[in-house]
N, C-alpha and C. Protein backbone atom coordinates (compact mmCIF):
# COMPACT_ATOMS: atom_id res chain seq x y z
N UNK A 1 0.84 -1.21 0.00
CA UNK A 1 0.00 0.00 0.00
C UNK A 1 0.87 1.26 0.00
N UNK A 2 1.92 1.24 0.81
CA UNK A 2 2.83 2.39 0.84
C UNK A 2 3.47 2.58 -0.54
N UNK A 3 3.81 1.47 -1.18
CA UNK A 3 4.44 1.54 -2.50
C UNK A 3 3.50 2.17 -3.51
N UNK A 4 2.22 1.82 -3.46
CA UNK A 4 1.24 2.43 -4.37
C UNK A 4 1.13 3.93 -4.14
N UNK A 5 1.19 4.34 -2.86
CA UNK A 5 1.09 5.76 -2.54
C UNK A 5 2.29 6.52 -3.11
N UNK A 6 3.49 5.96 -2.99
CA UNK A 6 4.67 6.65 -3.51
C UNK A 6 4.61 6.72 -5.03
N UNK A 7 4.10 5.68 -5.68
CA UNK A 7 3.95 5.71 -7.13
C UNK A 7 2.99 6.82 -7.55
N UNK A 8 1.87 6.95 -6.84
CA UNK A 8 0.88 7.97 -7.17
C UNK A 8 1.46 9.37 -6.98
N UNK A 9 2.22 9.56 -5.91
CA UNK A 9 2.81 10.87 -5.64
C UNK A 9 3.81 11.23 -6.73
N UNK A 10 4.58 10.24 -7.19
CA UNK A 10 5.59 10.53 -8.19
C UNK A 10 4.95 10.91 -9.52
N UNK A 11 3.72 10.46 -9.77
CA UNK A 11 3.08 10.71 -11.06
C UNK A 11 2.23 11.98 -11.07
N UNK A 12 2.27 12.77 -10.01
CA UNK A 12 1.48 14.01 -9.99
C UNK A 12 1.91 14.93 -11.14
N UNK A 13 0.94 15.51 -11.85
CA UNK A 13 1.27 16.40 -12.97
C UNK A 13 1.82 17.74 -12.52
N UNK A 14 1.67 18.06 -11.24
CA UNK A 14 2.20 19.33 -10.71
C UNK A 14 2.54 19.16 -9.24
N UNK A 15 3.33 20.06 -8.68
CA UNK A 15 3.71 19.94 -7.27
C UNK A 15 2.50 20.03 -6.34
N UNK A 16 2.57 19.43 -5.15
CA UNK A 16 1.42 19.40 -4.24
C UNK A 16 0.87 20.78 -3.88
N UNK A 17 1.75 21.78 -3.71
CA UNK A 17 1.25 23.09 -3.33
C UNK A 17 0.38 23.70 -4.43
N UNK A 18 0.61 23.30 -5.67
CA UNK A 18 -0.22 23.81 -6.76
C UNK A 18 -1.66 23.32 -6.62
N UNK A 19 -1.82 22.05 -6.17
CA UNK A 19 -3.17 21.55 -5.92
C UNK A 19 -3.85 22.36 -4.82
N UNK A 20 -3.09 22.73 -3.80
CA UNK A 20 -3.65 23.54 -2.71
C UNK A 20 -4.09 24.90 -3.21
N UNK A 21 -3.26 25.52 -4.04
CA UNK A 21 -3.60 26.84 -4.56
C UNK A 21 -4.84 26.77 -5.44
N UNK A 22 -4.89 25.76 -6.32
CA UNK A 22 -6.03 25.61 -7.22
C UNK A 22 -7.30 25.31 -6.42
N UNK A 23 -7.19 24.40 -5.46
CA UNK A 23 -8.35 24.06 -4.64
C UNK A 23 -8.86 25.26 -3.87
N UNK A 24 -7.93 26.04 -3.31
CA UNK A 24 -8.32 27.22 -2.54
C UNK A 24 -9.01 28.26 -3.44
N UNK A 25 -8.45 28.46 -4.63
CA UNK A 25 -9.05 29.46 -5.52
C UNK A 25 -10.42 29.02 -6.01
N UNK A 26 -10.59 27.72 -6.28
CA UNK A 26 -11.90 27.22 -6.72
C UNK A 26 -12.93 27.38 -5.61
N UNK A 27 -12.56 26.99 -4.39
CA UNK A 27 -13.50 27.13 -3.27
C UNK A 27 -13.82 28.59 -2.99
N UNK A 28 -12.82 29.46 -3.10
CA UNK A 28 -13.07 30.89 -2.88
C UNK A 28 -14.03 31.44 -3.94
N UNK A 29 -13.84 31.00 -5.17
CA UNK A 29 -14.71 31.45 -6.26
C UNK A 29 -16.15 30.98 -6.05
N UNK A 30 -16.31 29.72 -5.63
CA UNK A 30 -17.65 29.19 -5.36
C UNK A 30 -18.31 29.94 -4.20
N UNK A 31 -17.52 30.24 -3.17
CA UNK A 31 -18.06 30.99 -2.04
C UNK A 31 -18.50 32.39 -2.48
N UNK A 32 -17.67 33.01 -3.32
CA UNK A 32 -18.00 34.34 -3.84
C UNK A 32 -19.30 34.31 -4.64
N UNK A 33 -19.44 33.30 -5.51
CA UNK A 33 -20.66 33.17 -6.29
C UNK A 33 -21.87 32.95 -5.39
N UNK A 34 -21.71 32.09 -4.39
CA UNK A 34 -22.82 31.80 -3.47
C UNK A 34 -23.26 33.07 -2.75
N UNK A 35 -22.31 33.84 -2.23
CA UNK A 35 -22.66 35.06 -1.52
C UNK A 35 -23.29 36.09 -2.45
N UNK A 36 -22.78 36.17 -3.69
CA UNK A 36 -23.34 37.10 -4.66
C UNK A 36 -24.78 36.77 -4.99
N UNK A 37 -25.04 35.49 -5.28
CA UNK A 37 -26.40 35.07 -5.65
C UNK A 37 -27.35 35.19 -4.46
N UNK A 38 -26.83 34.97 -3.27
CA UNK A 38 -27.66 35.04 -2.07
C UNK A 38 -28.11 36.48 -1.80
N UNK A 39 -27.29 37.44 -2.20
CA UNK A 39 -27.59 38.84 -1.91
C UNK A 39 -28.73 39.34 -2.79
N UNK A 40 -28.87 38.82 -3.99
CA UNK A 40 -29.91 39.28 -4.91
C UNK A 40 -31.30 38.87 -4.45
């Protein structure tokens, strides 16, 4: 199982922090849309 995890990590198309940045920006955008639509 550990071996499978290391294989998966090695095959990431981008560094781990990039996933964090993308995830954060997507969630922030969804939150922004939700608050905008809720205000109308």
